[in-house]
C-alpha atoms as a PDB file:
ATOM      1  CA  UNK A   1     -20.493  21.671  -2.101  1.00  0.00           C
ATOM      2  CA  UNK A   2     -19.863  20.735   1.554  1.00  0.00           C
ATOM      3  CA  UNK A   3     -23.091  18.829   1.971  1.00  0.00           C
ATOM      4  CA  UNK A   4     -21.608  15.645   3.427  1.00  0.00           C
ATOM      5  CA  UNK A   5     -18.555  14.267   5.211  1.00  0.00           C
ATOM      6  CA  UNK A   6     -17.470  12.482   2.045  1.00  0.00           C
ATOM      7  CA  UNK A   7     -17.226  15.762   0.123  1.00  0.00           C
ATOM      8  CA  UNK A   8     -16.150  18.030   2.978  1.00  0.00           C
ATOM      9  CA  UNK A   9     -13.075  16.225   4.279  1.00  0.00           C
ATOM     10  CA  UNK A  10     -11.319  15.839   0.911  1.00  0.00           C
ATOM     11  CA  UNK A  11     -11.938  19.533   0.175  1.00  0.00           C
ATOM     12  CA  UNK A  12     -10.503  20.673   3.507  1.00  0.00           C
ATOM     13  CA  UNK A  13      -7.357  18.505   3.491  1.00  0.00           C
ATOM     14  CA  UNK A  14      -5.418  20.291   0.713  1.00  0.00           C
ATOM     15  CA  UNK A  15      -6.272  23.862   1.819  1.00  0.00           C
ATOM     16  CA  UNK A  16      -3.087  25.429   3.192  1.00  0.00           C
ATOM     17  CA  UNK A  17      -3.111  28.250   5.706  1.00  0.00           C
ATOM     18  CA  UNK A  18       0.086  30.132   6.414  1.00  0.00           C
ATOM     19  CA  UNK A  19       1.861  27.647   4.149  1.00  0.00           C
ATOM     20  CA  UNK A  20       0.793  24.622   6.202  1.00  0.00           C
ATOM     21  CA  UNK A  21      -1.746  21.977   5.322  1.00  0.00           C
ATOM     22  CA  UNK A  22      -4.298  21.142   8.022  1.00  0.00           C
ATOM     23  CA  UNK A  23      -4.770  17.855   9.786  1.00  0.00           C
ATOM     24  CA  UNK A  24      -8.341  16.957   8.939  1.00  0.00           C
ATOM     25  CA  UNK A  25     -10.327  14.261  10.670  1.00  0.00           C
ATOM     26  CA  UNK A  26     -13.942  13.657  11.478  1.00  0.00           C
ATOM     27  CA  UNK A  27     -14.848  13.742  15.142  1.00  0.00           C
ATOM     28  CA  UNK A  28     -17.821  11.434  15.521  1.00  0.00           C
ATOM     29  CA  UNK A  29     -18.411  11.898  19.242  1.00  0.00           C
ATOM     30  CA  UNK A  30     -20.335  14.714  20.843  1.00  0.00           C
ATOM     31  CA  UNK A  31     -19.182  16.770  23.777  1.00  0.00           C
ATOM     32  CA  UNK A  32     -21.167  16.333  26.968  1.00  0.00           C
ATOM     33  CA  UNK A  33     -23.032  19.395  28.139  1.00  0.00           C
ATOM     34  CA  UNK A  34     -22.128  21.095  31.366  1.00  0.00           C
ATOM     35  CA  UNK A  35     -18.400  20.368  31.090  1.00  0.00           C
ATOM     36  CA  UNK A  36     -16.236  23.372  31.938  1.00  0.00           C
ATOM     37  CA  UNK A  37     -12.532  24.004  32.330  1.00  0.00           C
ATOM     38  CA  UNK A  38     -10.951  24.769  35.650  1.00  0.00           C
ATOM     39  CA  UNK A  39      -9.418  28.221  36.101  1.00  0.00           C
ATOM     40  CA  UNK A  40      -5.965  26.658  35.774  1.00  0.00           C
ATOM     41  CA  UNK A  41      -6.918  24.954  32.487  1.00  0.00           C
ATOM     42  CA  UNK A  42      -8.418  28.194  31.111  1.00  0.00           C
ATOM     43  CA  UNK A  43      -5.211  30.039  31.968  1.00  0.00           C
ATOM     44  CA  UNK A  44      -3.131  27.366  30.204  1.00  0.00           C
ATOM     45  CA  UNK A  45      -5.233  27.706  27.046  1.00  0.00           C
ATOM     46  CA  UNK A  46      -5.084  31.501  27.226  1.00  0.00           C
ATOM     47  CA  UNK A  47      -1.287  31.346  27.556  1.00  0.00           C
ATOM     48  CA  UNK A  48      -1.191  29.519  24.209  1.00  0.00           C
ATOM     49  CA  UNK A  49      -3.624  31.945  22.553  1.00  0.00           C
ATOM     50  CA  UNK A  50      -2.622  34.667  20.136  1.00  0.00           C
ATOM     51  CA  UNK A  51      -5.353  37.310  20.062  1.00  0.00           C
ATOM     52  CA  UNK A  52      -5.819  39.713  17.184  1.00  0.00           C
ATOM     53  CA  UNK A  53      -6.593  43.090  18.804  1.00  0.00           C
ATOM     54  CA  UNK A  54      -8.681  44.390  15.916  1.00  0.00           C
ATOM     55  CA  UNK A  55     -11.091  41.447  16.286  1.00  0.00           C
ATOM     56  CA  UNK A  56     -11.598  41.537  20.036  1.00  0.00           C
ATOM     57  CA  UNK A  57     -11.524  38.643  22.475  1.00  0.00           C
ATOM     58  CA  UNK A  58     -13.569  36.313  20.255  1.00  0.00           C
ATOM     59  CA  UNK A  59     -10.981  35.806  17.525  1.00  0.00           C
ATOM     60  CA  UNK A  60      -7.507  34.340  17.727  1.00  0.00           C
ATOM     61  CA  UNK A  61      -5.323  31.286  17.319  1.00  0.00           C
ATOM     62  CA  UNK A  62      -4.566  28.653  19.909  1.00  0.00           C
ATOM     63  CA  UNK A  63      -0.969  27.725  19.234  1.00  0.00           C
ATOM     64  CA  UNK A  64       0.128  24.235  20.300  1.00  0.00           C
ATOM     65  CA  UNK A  65       3.244  23.889  22.439  1.00  0.00           C
ATOM     66  CA  UNK A  66       6.474  23.868  20.411  1.00  0.00           C
ATOM     67  CA  UNK A  67       7.330  20.323  21.486  1.00  0.00           C
ATOM     68  CA  UNK A  68       4.081  18.836  20.161  1.00  0.00           C
ATOM     69  CA  UNK A  69       4.612  16.292  17.390  1.00  0.00           C
ATOM     70  CA  UNK A  70       1.977  16.043  14.697  1.00  0.00           C
ATOM     71  CA  UNK A  71       1.412  13.099  12.390  1.00  0.00           C
ATOM     72  CA  UNK A  72       1.401  14.054   8.731  1.00  0.00           C
END
């Protein structure tokens, strides 16, 4: 079913999680290799992370700051 962008994006848009619909957009650029975060940046991301203990360090949510405004 999700064999192309044209079918995948419309399927993902209406799927709510925790009562909220996602913002869905295609990212057409690729990330350059060898780019890493500074220790300070990693700590900032970790401060916004909610880890689920039963799943270990590899699973969790990164929660945006409360003052962030999202387009709907």
